[in-house]
Amino acid sequence: MRKGLKAFTLVTSAALVFTSMGCATNNQGQQGRQQNGEQPQRIVQPARDGNNQVNQQDAFGDKVVQTGKKYLGTPYLFGGEYETSGRFDCSSFTQYVFKKNGVDLPRRAEPQAQKGTRVSKDQLQKGDLLFFKLKSKPNKGIEHVGIYAGNGKILHTYGEGGVRIDDLDQDWLQWGYLGATRVRPNQ
């Protein structure tokens, strides 16, 4: 199931890239393949609403992730705020990235979890906020927050290396996962 979802996400992302670049296959190319015994390739189109517009949630999530990636490698500092120290902690990072995209979030992780709509782990979309407890503070509740970057990855900051992208299947992230919310403009 997980591999199928990853493959679908990959195909959908590729379709978005090819469609936006004008690289969609034309009918003549498909007919030529059929005559040579090849099966035509199917292109999955991005989700569209009733007005034939690309799903705005997907576009917003992509924008949030792209904004966050601009800060890869920015150092971590507990309590750090980028404007004053040039460093982030986990919640100042999510607050800053969402603010750059028109959404005001509280400064700390726990209040951030109260914003938006809860989503299940199998329904995550790029840009969703992910919340964790920490093994060093197992009884404290929410102590870490990051941004879902798609394909089972999290964009977040902590410790050495600062802002980074990690796999969600790391032991401490699996153990500490508490939930996710989807925050969008005007919520």
N, C-alpha and C. Protein backbone atom coordinates (compact mmCIF):
# COMPACT_ATOMS: atom_id res chain seq x y z
N MET A 1 0.82 -1.19 0.00
CA MET A 1 0.00 0.00 0.00
C MET A 1 0.87 1.26 0.00
N ARG A 2 1.88 1.31 0.87
CA ARG A 2 2.73 2.49 0.96
C ARG A 2 3.51 2.71 -0.33
N LYS A 3 4.03 1.60 -0.92
CA LYS A 3 4.78 1.74 -2.17
C LYS A 3 3.87 2.21 -3.29
N GLY A 4 2.62 1.72 -3.30
CA GLY A 4 1.68 2.14 -4.32
C GLY A 4 1.38 3.62 -4.23
N LEU A 5 1.22 4.11 -2.99
CA LEU A 5 0.96 5.53 -2.79
C LEU A 5 2.15 6.36 -3.23
N LYS A 6 3.37 5.89 -2.91
CA LYS A 6 4.57 6.61 -3.34
C LYS A 6 4.66 6.65 -4.86
N ALA A 7 4.35 5.51 -5.52
CA ALA A 7 4.41 5.47 -6.98
C ALA A 7 3.39 6.42 -7.58
N PHE A 8 2.15 6.45 -7.01
CA PHE A 8 1.13 7.34 -7.51
C PHE A 8 1.57 8.79 -7.34
N THR A 9 2.13 9.12 -6.16
CA THR A 9 2.61 10.48 -5.92
C THR A 9 3.69 10.85 -6.91
N LEU A 10 4.62 9.93 -7.17
CA LEU A 10 5.71 10.20 -8.11
C LEU A 10 5.15 10.44 -9.51
N VAL A 11 4.20 9.59 -9.94
CA VAL A 11 3.62 9.73 -11.27
C VAL A 11 2.86 11.05 -11.35
N THR A 12 2.09 11.38 -10.30
CA THR A 12 1.34 12.63 -10.29
C THR A 12 2.28 13.83 -10.37
N SER A 13 3.38 13.79 -9.59
CA SER A 13 4.34 14.89 -9.62
C SER A 13 4.97 15.03 -11.00
N ALA A 14 5.32 13.90 -11.61
CA ALA A 14 5.92 13.95 -12.95
C ALA A 14 4.93 14.52 -13.95
N ALA A 15 3.66 14.14 -13.81
CA ALA A 15 2.65 14.66 -14.73
C ALA A 15 2.53 16.17 -14.58
N LEU A 16 2.58 16.66 -13.35
CA LEU A 16 2.52 18.11 -13.14
C LEU A 16 3.68 18.80 -13.84
N VAL A 17 4.86 18.26 -13.70
CA VAL A 17 6.04 18.87 -14.31
C VAL A 17 5.91 18.86 -15.83
N PHE A 18 5.60 17.69 -16.40
CA PHE A 18 5.51 17.60 -17.85
C PHE A 18 4.38 18.46 -18.40
N THR A 19 3.24 18.47 -17.71
CA THR A 19 2.12 19.27 -18.20
C THR A 19 2.47 20.75 -18.15
N SER A 20 3.08 21.19 -17.04
CA SER A 20 3.40 22.61 -16.93
C SER A 20 4.49 23.03 -17.90
N MET A 21 5.31 22.07 -18.34
CA MET A 21 6.38 22.40 -19.27
C MET A 21 5.92 22.23 -20.72
N GLY A 22 4.69 21.80 -20.93
CA GLY A 22 4.19 21.61 -22.28
C GLY A 22 4.74 20.35 -22.93
N CYS A 23 5.05 19.34 -22.14
CA CYS A 23 5.64 18.11 -22.68
C CYS A 23 4.65 16.96 -22.75
N ALA A 24 3.37 17.24 -22.66
CA ALA A 24 2.40 16.15 -22.73
C ALA A 24 2.46 15.50 -24.12
N THR A 25 2.27 14.19 -24.15
CA THR A 25 2.35 13.44 -25.40
C THR A 25 1.16 13.77 -26.29
N ASN A 26 1.41 13.92 -27.58
CA ASN A 26 0.30 14.20 -28.49
C ASN A 26 -0.28 12.89 -29.03
N ASN A 27 -1.44 12.97 -29.66
CA ASN A 27 -2.11 11.77 -30.17
C ASN A 27 -1.29 11.06 -31.23
N GLN A 28 -0.59 11.79 -32.07
CA GLN A 28 0.19 11.18 -33.13
C GLN A 28 1.27 10.28 -32.54
N GLY A 29 1.95 10.73 -31.47
CA GLY A 29 2.97 9.92 -30.82
C GLY A 29 2.37 8.66 -30.22
N GLN A 30 1.17 8.76 -29.66
CA GLN A 30 0.52 7.59 -29.08
C GLN A 30 0.16 6.58 -30.18
N GLN A 31 -0.35 7.07 -31.31
CA GLN A 31 -0.72 6.16 -32.39
C GLN A 31 0.50 5.43 -32.93
N GLY A 32 1.64 6.12 -33.05
CA GLY A 32 2.87 5.49 -33.53
C GLY A 32 3.31 4.37 -32.61
N ARG A 33 3.19 4.56 -31.33
CA ARG A 33 3.57 3.51 -30.38
C ARG A 33 2.65 2.31 -30.51
N GLN A 34 1.34 2.58 -30.68
CA GLN A 34 0.39 1.48 -30.80
C GLN A 34 0.68 0.65 -32.04
N GLN A 35 1.05 1.28 -33.14
CA GLN A 35 1.35 0.54 -34.35
C GLN A 35 2.60 -0.32 -34.19
N ASN A 36 3.53 0.09 -33.34
CA ASN A 36 4.74 -0.68 -33.09
C ASN A 36 4.53 -1.72 -32.00
N GLY A 37 3.30 -1.90 -31.53
CA GLY A 37 3.01 -2.89 -30.52
C GLY A 37 3.24 -2.41 -29.10
N GLU A 38 3.64 -1.15 -28.92
CA GLU A 38 3.85 -0.61 -27.58
C GLU A 38 2.52 -0.12 -27.03
N GLN A 39 2.39 -0.20 -25.72
CA GLN A 39 1.21 0.32 -25.06
C GLN A 39 1.35 1.83 -24.89
N PRO A 40 0.27 2.58 -25.10
CA PRO A 40 0.36 4.02 -24.88
C PRO A 40 0.60 4.31 -23.41
N GLN A 41 1.35 5.38 -23.13
CA GLN A 41 1.61 5.76 -21.76
C GLN A 41 0.45 6.60 -21.25
N ARG A 42 0.09 6.36 -20.00
CA ARG A 42 -0.98 7.13 -19.39
C ARG A 42 -0.36 8.25 -18.57
N ILE A 43 -0.89 9.43 -18.72
CA ILE A 43 -0.43 10.57 -17.94
C ILE A 43 -1.51 10.89 -16.93
N VAL A 44 -1.16 10.89 -15.66
CA VAL A 44 -2.09 11.23 -14.61
C VAL A 44 -2.12 12.75 -14.48
N GLN A 45 -3.30 13.29 -14.58
CA GLN A 45 -3.46 14.73 -14.49
C GLN A 45 -3.58 15.15 -13.02
N PRO A 46 -3.14 16.34 -12.66
CA PRO A 46 -3.29 16.81 -11.29
C PRO A 46 -4.75 16.97 -10.93
N ALA A 47 -5.07 16.88 -9.64
CA ALA A 47 -6.44 17.04 -9.18
C ALA A 47 -6.93 18.43 -9.56
N ARG A 48 -8.15 18.49 -10.06
CA ARG A 48 -8.73 19.77 -10.46
C ARG A 48 -10.09 19.94 -9.80
N ASP A 49 -10.47 21.18 -9.56
CA ASP A 49 -11.77 21.44 -8.97
C ASP A 49 -12.80 21.61 -10.08
N GLY A 50 -14.03 22.00 -9.71
CA GLY A 50 -15.11 22.14 -10.68
C GLY A 50 -14.85 23.19 -11.74
N ASN A 51 -13.96 24.12 -11.51
CA ASN A 51 -13.63 25.16 -12.48
C ASN A 51 -12.39 24.82 -13.29
N ASN A 52 -11.97 23.54 -13.25
CA ASN A 52 -10.81 23.04 -13.99
C ASN A 52 -9.51 23.70 -13.52
N GLN A 53 -9.45 24.09 -12.25
CA GLN A 53 -8.25 24.68 -11.67
C GLN A 53 -7.50 23.60 -10.89
N VAL A 54 -6.16 23.64 -10.94
CA VAL A 54 -5.37 22.69 -10.16
C VAL A 54 -5.73 22.87 -8.70
N ASN A 55 -5.88 21.73 -7.99
CA ASN A 55 -6.24 21.73 -6.58
C ASN A 55 -5.36 22.72 -5.82
N GLN A 56 -5.97 23.73 -5.22
CA GLN A 56 -5.24 24.79 -4.55
C GLN A 56 -4.50 24.31 -3.31
N GLN A 57 -5.03 23.24 -2.64
CA GLN A 57 -4.33 22.69 -1.48
C GLN A 57 -2.98 22.14 -1.90
N ASP A 58 -2.95 21.41 -3.02
CA ASP A 58 -1.68 20.86 -3.50
C ASP A 58 -0.71 21.98 -3.86
N ALA A 59 -1.19 23.01 -4.52
CA ALA A 59 -0.33 24.12 -4.92
C ALA A 59 0.22 24.84 -3.69
N PHE A 60 -0.61 25.05 -2.68
CA PHE A 60 -0.14 25.73 -1.47
C PHE A 60 0.91 24.88 -0.76
N GLY A 61 0.67 23.60 -0.61
CA GLY A 61 1.63 22.71 0.04
C GLY A 61 2.97 22.69 -0.67
N ASP A 62 2.95 22.65 -2.00
CA ASP A 62 4.19 22.69 -2.77
C ASP A 62 4.94 24.00 -2.51
N LYS A 63 4.19 25.09 -2.45
CA LYS A 63 4.79 26.41 -2.22
C LYS A 63 5.45 26.47 -0.84
N VAL A 64 4.79 25.91 0.17
CA VAL A 64 5.34 25.89 1.53
C VAL A 64 6.65 25.11 1.55
N VAL A 65 6.65 23.93 0.93
CA VAL A 65 7.86 23.09 0.91
C VAL A 65 8.99 23.81 0.17
N GLN A 66 8.69 24.42 -0.96
CA GLN A 66 9.73 25.13 -1.71
C GLN A 66 10.30 26.29 -0.89
N THR A 67 9.44 26.99 -0.17
CA THR A 67 9.92 28.08 0.68
C THR A 67 10.85 27.53 1.75
N GLY A 68 10.44 26.45 2.42
CA GLY A 68 11.26 25.85 3.46
C GLY A 68 12.60 25.37 2.97
N LYS A 69 12.64 24.82 1.75
CA LYS A 69 13.89 24.30 1.19
C LYS A 69 14.92 25.40 0.96
N LYS A 70 14.48 26.64 0.84
CA LYS A 70 15.42 27.75 0.67
C LYS A 70 16.33 27.91 1.90
N TYR A 71 15.91 27.35 3.02
CA TYR A 71 16.65 27.51 4.27
C TYR A 71 17.39 26.25 4.69
N LEU A 72 17.50 25.27 3.78
CA LEU A 72 18.25 24.05 4.10
C LEU A 72 19.64 24.41 4.58
N GLY A 73 20.06 23.80 5.68
CA GLY A 73 21.38 24.06 6.23
C GLY A 73 21.44 25.21 7.22
N THR A 74 20.36 25.99 7.32
CA THR A 74 20.35 27.08 8.31
C THR A 74 20.49 26.47 9.70
N PRO A 75 21.40 26.97 10.50
CA PRO A 75 21.67 26.36 11.81
C PRO A 75 20.47 26.35 12.75
N TYR A 76 20.49 25.37 13.66
CA TYR A 76 19.48 25.20 14.70
C TYR A 76 19.93 25.93 15.96
N LEU A 77 18.98 26.57 16.64
CA LEU A 77 19.23 27.17 17.94
C LEU A 77 17.93 27.10 18.73
N PHE A 78 17.93 26.37 19.85
CA PHE A 78 16.73 26.30 20.67
C PHE A 78 16.31 27.72 21.06
N GLY A 79 15.07 28.07 20.77
CA GLY A 79 14.57 29.41 21.04
C GLY A 79 14.95 30.43 19.99
N GLY A 80 15.69 29.99 18.96
CA GLY A 80 16.17 30.91 17.93
C GLY A 80 15.06 31.41 17.02
N GLU A 81 15.14 32.67 16.68
CA GLU A 81 14.24 33.27 15.69
C GLU A 81 15.09 33.85 14.59
N TYR A 82 14.77 33.52 13.37
CA TYR A 82 15.60 33.83 12.22
C TYR A 82 15.91 35.33 12.09
N GLU A 83 14.90 36.15 12.33
CA GLU A 83 15.09 37.60 12.15
C GLU A 83 16.17 38.16 13.06
N THR A 84 16.32 37.59 14.27
CA THR A 84 17.28 38.15 15.23
C THR A 84 18.58 37.37 15.32
N SER A 85 18.54 36.05 15.05
CA SER A 85 19.75 35.24 15.23
C SER A 85 20.25 34.57 13.95
N GLY A 86 19.44 34.58 12.91
CA GLY A 86 19.81 33.87 11.68
C GLY A 86 19.71 32.36 11.85
N ARG A 87 19.03 31.92 12.91
CA ARG A 87 18.86 30.49 13.22
C ARG A 87 17.40 30.22 13.55
N PHE A 88 17.03 28.96 13.45
CA PHE A 88 15.67 28.53 13.78
C PHE A 88 15.70 27.45 14.84
N ASP A 89 14.59 27.35 15.60
CA ASP A 89 14.28 26.08 16.25
C ASP A 89 13.09 25.53 15.46
N CYS A 90 12.59 24.36 15.83
CA CYS A 90 11.59 23.70 14.98
C CYS A 90 10.35 24.55 14.75
N SER A 91 9.81 25.13 15.82
CA SER A 91 8.56 25.88 15.66
C SER A 91 8.76 27.27 15.08
N SER A 92 9.92 27.88 15.30
CA SER A 92 10.15 29.17 14.64
C SER A 92 10.34 28.97 13.14
N PHE A 93 10.88 27.80 12.76
CA PHE A 93 11.02 27.47 11.34
C PHE A 93 9.66 27.34 10.67
N THR A 94 8.76 26.53 11.26
CA THR A 94 7.44 26.37 10.65
C THR A 94 6.68 27.69 10.65
N GLN A 95 6.78 28.43 11.74
CA GLN A 95 6.11 29.73 11.81
C GLN A 95 6.60 30.66 10.70
N TYR A 96 7.91 30.72 10.51
CA TYR A 96 8.52 31.60 9.51
C TYR A 96 8.11 31.21 8.09
N VAL A 97 8.19 29.92 7.79
CA VAL A 97 7.86 29.43 6.44
C VAL A 97 6.40 29.69 6.12
N PHE A 98 5.51 29.41 7.06
CA PHE A 98 4.09 29.65 6.80
C PHE A 98 3.80 31.14 6.69
N LYS A 99 4.46 31.96 7.50
CA LYS A 99 4.27 33.42 7.41
C LYS A 99 4.67 33.92 6.03
N LYS A 100 5.75 33.38 5.46
CA LYS A 100 6.18 33.74 4.10
C LYS A 100 5.11 33.38 3.06
N ASN A 101 4.20 32.48 3.44
CA ASN A 101 3.14 32.05 2.54
C ASN A 101 1.76 32.53 2.99
N GLY A 102 1.75 33.59 3.81
CA GLY A 102 0.50 34.25 4.16
C GLY A 102 -0.29 33.63 5.30
N VAL A 103 0.31 32.75 6.09
CA VAL A 103 -0.40 32.10 7.20
C VAL A 103 0.32 32.40 8.51
N ASP A 104 -0.42 32.96 9.47
CA ASP A 104 0.14 33.24 10.79
C ASP A 104 -0.03 32.03 11.69
N LEU A 105 1.07 31.53 12.23
CA LEU A 105 1.06 30.43 13.19
C LEU A 105 1.59 30.94 14.52
N PRO A 106 1.14 30.33 15.63
CA PRO A 106 1.73 30.66 16.93
C PRO A 106 3.21 30.31 16.95
N ARG A 107 3.93 30.81 17.93
CA ARG A 107 5.38 30.60 18.01
C ARG A 107 5.77 29.19 18.42
N ARG A 108 5.03 28.53 19.28
CA ARG A 108 5.41 27.22 19.80
C ARG A 108 4.66 26.08 19.11
N ALA A 109 5.26 24.88 19.16
CA ALA A 109 4.73 23.71 18.46
C ALA A 109 3.33 23.31 18.95
N GLU A 110 3.15 23.26 20.26
CA GLU A 110 1.86 22.79 20.78
C GLU A 110 0.69 23.67 20.32
N PRO A 111 0.78 25.00 20.43
CA PRO A 111 -0.31 25.82 19.90
C PRO A 111 -0.46 25.71 18.37
N GLN A 112 0.64 25.45 17.66
CA GLN A 112 0.53 25.26 16.21
C GLN A 112 -0.35 24.05 15.89
N ALA A 113 -0.32 23.04 16.76
CA ALA A 113 -1.11 21.82 16.53
C ALA A 113 -2.62 22.09 16.63
N GLN A 114 -2.99 23.21 17.22
CA GLN A 114 -4.40 23.57 17.35
C GLN A 114 -4.94 24.27 16.10
N LYS A 115 -4.08 24.59 15.17
CA LYS A 115 -4.47 25.30 13.96
C LYS A 115 -4.78 24.30 12.84
N GLY A 116 -5.66 24.68 11.95
CA GLY A 116 -5.95 23.86 10.78
C GLY A 116 -6.86 22.68 11.06
N THR A 117 -6.82 21.72 10.16
CA THR A 117 -7.67 20.53 10.22
C THR A 117 -6.80 19.31 10.43
N ARG A 118 -7.17 18.45 11.37
CA ARG A 118 -6.41 17.22 11.60
C ARG A 118 -6.51 16.32 10.37
N VAL A 119 -5.39 15.68 10.03
CA VAL A 119 -5.37 14.72 8.93
C VAL A 119 -4.67 13.44 9.40
N SER A 120 -5.13 12.30 8.87
CA SER A 120 -4.53 11.02 9.22
C SER A 120 -3.20 10.86 8.47
N LYS A 121 -2.36 10.00 8.99
CA LYS A 121 -1.03 9.81 8.42
C LYS A 121 -1.11 9.33 6.97
N ASP A 122 -2.12 8.54 6.64
CA ASP A 122 -2.23 8.02 5.27
C ASP A 122 -2.83 9.04 4.30
N GLN A 123 -3.19 10.22 4.80
CA GLN A 123 -3.76 11.28 3.95
C GLN A 123 -2.87 12.51 3.89
N LEU A 124 -1.61 12.38 4.32
CA LEU A 124 -0.71 13.54 4.33
C LEU A 124 -0.50 14.12 2.94
N GLN A 125 -0.42 15.43 2.89
CA GLN A 125 -0.09 16.16 1.67
C GLN A 125 1.07 17.09 1.98
N LYS A 126 1.83 17.43 0.94
CA LYS A 126 2.92 18.38 1.13
C LYS A 126 2.39 19.63 1.84
N GLY A 127 3.21 20.12 2.77
CA GLY A 127 2.85 21.32 3.50
C GLY A 127 2.11 21.07 4.79
N ASP A 128 1.68 19.83 5.07
CA ASP A 128 1.01 19.54 6.33
C ASP A 128 2.02 19.65 7.47
N LEU A 129 1.55 20.07 8.63
CA LEU A 129 2.38 20.15 9.83
C LEU A 129 2.36 18.80 10.54
N LEU A 130 3.53 18.32 10.95
CA LEU A 130 3.67 17.04 11.64
C LEU A 130 4.15 17.30 13.06
N PHE A 131 3.57 16.60 14.04
CA PHE A 131 3.87 16.85 15.44
C PHE A 131 4.38 15.59 16.13
N PHE A 132 5.36 15.80 17.02
CA PHE A 132 6.06 14.68 17.66
C PHE A 132 6.31 14.94 19.13
N LYS A 133 6.40 13.85 19.90
CA LYS A 133 6.96 13.91 21.24
C LYS A 133 8.41 13.46 21.11
N LEU A 134 9.20 13.75 22.12
CA LEU A 134 10.62 13.40 22.09
C LEU A 134 10.94 12.34 23.14
N LYS A 135 11.85 11.43 22.82
CA LYS A 135 12.24 10.39 23.77
C LYS A 135 12.86 10.99 25.02
N SER A 136 13.52 12.13 24.88
CA SER A 136 14.14 12.78 26.05
C SER A 136 13.09 13.42 26.96
N LYS A 137 11.86 13.61 26.43
CA LYS A 137 10.77 14.22 27.20
C LYS A 137 9.47 13.47 26.90
N PRO A 138 9.41 12.15 27.18
CA PRO A 138 8.28 11.33 26.73
C PRO A 138 6.93 11.73 27.33
N ASN A 139 6.90 12.41 28.45
CA ASN A 139 5.64 12.78 29.09
C ASN A 139 5.25 14.23 28.86
N LYS A 140 5.94 14.92 27.98
CA LYS A 140 5.73 16.35 27.77
C LYS A 140 4.69 16.67 26.70
N GLY A 141 4.31 15.72 25.86
CA GLY A 141 3.40 16.02 24.77
C GLY A 141 4.17 16.51 23.55
N ILE A 142 3.58 17.44 22.84
CA ILE A 142 4.18 17.93 21.60
C ILE A 142 5.43 18.75 21.90
N GLU A 143 6.55 18.29 21.36
CA GLU A 143 7.84 18.96 21.57
C GLU A 143 8.58 19.21 20.26
N HIS A 144 8.05 18.74 19.15
CA HIS A 144 8.73 18.93 17.86
C HIS A 144 7.68 19.05 16.76
N VAL A 145 7.98 19.90 15.77
CA VAL A 145 7.10 20.10 14.63
C VAL A 145 7.95 20.20 13.37
N GLY A 146 7.40 19.72 12.27
CA GLY A 146 8.04 19.83 10.97
C GLY A 146 6.99 19.91 9.89
N ILE A 147 7.43 19.99 8.65
CA ILE A 147 6.55 20.13 7.49
C ILE A 147 6.67 18.88 6.64
N TYR A 148 5.51 18.29 6.28
CA TYR A 148 5.54 17.12 5.41
C TYR A 148 6.02 17.56 4.02
N ALA A 149 7.10 16.92 3.53
CA ALA A 149 7.71 17.31 2.26
C ALA A 149 7.31 16.37 1.12
N GLY A 150 6.43 15.41 1.37
CA GLY A 150 6.02 14.44 0.36
C GLY A 150 6.92 13.22 0.36
N ASN A 151 6.43 12.15 -0.20
CA ASN A 151 7.21 10.90 -0.36
C ASN A 151 7.80 10.39 0.95
N GLY A 152 7.05 10.51 2.05
CA GLY A 152 7.51 9.98 3.33
C GLY A 152 8.64 10.76 3.96
N LYS A 153 8.75 12.05 3.65
CA LYS A 153 9.86 12.86 4.17
C LYS A 153 9.34 14.05 4.96
N ILE A 154 10.18 14.52 5.86
CA ILE A 154 9.86 15.68 6.69
C ILE A 154 10.93 16.75 6.51
N LEU A 155 10.49 17.99 6.39
CA LEU A 155 11.36 19.16 6.33
C LEU A 155 11.27 19.81 7.71
N HIS A 156 12.40 19.84 8.43
CA HIS A 156 12.39 20.33 9.80
C HIS A 156 13.79 20.75 10.22
N THR A 157 13.93 21.16 11.47
CA THR A 157 15.24 21.54 12.00
C THR A 157 15.41 21.05 13.41
N TYR A 158 16.61 20.62 13.72
CA TYR A 158 17.03 20.26 15.08
C TYR A 158 18.52 19.99 15.04
N GLY A 159 19.20 20.22 16.13
CA GLY A 159 20.60 19.83 16.32
C GLY A 159 21.56 20.18 15.19
N GLU A 160 22.64 19.39 15.14
CA GLU A 160 23.68 19.58 14.12
C GLU A 160 23.07 19.48 12.72
N GLY A 161 23.46 20.36 11.85
CA GLY A 161 22.95 20.33 10.48
C GLY A 161 21.78 21.25 10.24
N GLY A 162 21.08 21.62 11.31
CA GLY A 162 19.98 22.57 11.19
C GLY A 162 18.85 22.11 10.29
N VAL A 163 18.36 23.00 9.44
CA VAL A 163 17.22 22.68 8.56
C VAL A 163 17.63 21.57 7.61
N ARG A 164 16.80 20.53 7.56
CA ARG A 164 17.12 19.34 6.77
C ARG A 164 15.84 18.64 6.33
N ILE A 165 16.03 17.67 5.44
CA ILE A 165 14.94 16.77 5.04
C ILE A 165 15.34 15.38 5.49
N ASP A 166 14.46 14.72 6.25
CA ASP A 166 14.70 13.37 6.75
C ASP A 166 13.56 12.45 6.36
N ASP A 167 13.84 11.14 6.37
CA ASP A 167 12.81 10.13 6.17
C ASP A 167 11.98 10.00 7.44
N LEU A 168 10.68 9.91 7.28
CA LEU A 168 9.80 9.73 8.44
C LEU A 168 9.93 8.33 9.05
N ASP A 169 10.60 7.43 8.38
CA ASP A 169 10.73 6.08 8.94
C ASP A 169 11.88 5.96 9.93
N GLN A 170 12.56 7.06 10.25
CA GLN A 170 13.57 7.03 11.31
C GLN A 170 12.89 6.67 12.63
N ASP A 171 13.59 5.88 13.44
CA ASP A 171 13.02 5.36 14.67
C ASP A 171 12.41 6.45 15.55
N TRP A 172 13.16 7.51 15.81
CA TRP A 172 12.65 8.53 16.73
C TRP A 172 11.43 9.25 16.19
N LEU A 173 11.34 9.39 14.86
CA LEU A 173 10.18 10.05 14.27
C LEU A 173 8.97 9.11 14.27
N GLN A 174 9.18 7.83 14.02
CA GLN A 174 8.07 6.87 14.10
C GLN A 174 7.55 6.78 15.53
N TRP A 175 8.49 6.63 16.48
CA TRP A 175 8.12 6.49 17.88
C TRP A 175 7.36 7.71 18.39
N GLY A 176 7.81 8.90 18.02
CA GLY A 176 7.26 10.12 18.59
C GLY A 176 6.09 10.74 17.85
N TYR A 177 5.70 10.17 16.71
CA TYR A 177 4.64 10.78 15.89
C TYR A 177 3.34 10.89 16.67
N LEU A 178 2.78 12.09 16.73
CA LEU A 178 1.52 12.32 17.44
C LEU A 178 0.37 12.68 16.52
N GLY A 179 0.66 13.23 15.35
CA GLY A 179 -0.42 13.60 14.46
C GLY A 179 -0.01 14.71 13.50
N ALA A 180 -0.99 15.12 12.69
CA ALA A 180 -0.73 16.13 11.66
C ALA A 180 -1.95 17.03 11.50
N THR A 181 -1.67 18.25 11.05
CA THR A 181 -2.75 19.17 10.70
C THR A 181 -2.46 19.79 9.34
N ARG A 182 -3.51 20.15 8.66
CA ARG A 182 -3.40 20.84 7.37
C ARG A 182 -3.85 22.28 7.58
N VAL A 183 -2.92 23.20 7.44
CA VAL A 183 -3.20 24.62 7.63
C VAL A 183 -3.11 25.30 6.28
N ARG A 184 -4.16 26.02 5.94
CA ARG A 184 -4.20 26.73 4.67
C ARG A 184 -4.61 28.18 4.92
N PRO A 185 -4.34 29.06 3.96
CA PRO A 185 -4.75 30.46 4.14
C PRO A 185 -6.24 30.56 4.41
N ASN A 186 -6.62 31.56 5.19
CA ASN A 186 -8.03 31.85 5.51
C ASN A 186 -8.70 30.74 6.28
N GLN A 187 -7.95 30.03 7.13
CA GLN A 187 -8.60 29.01 7.98
C GLN A 187 -8.74 29.53 9.38
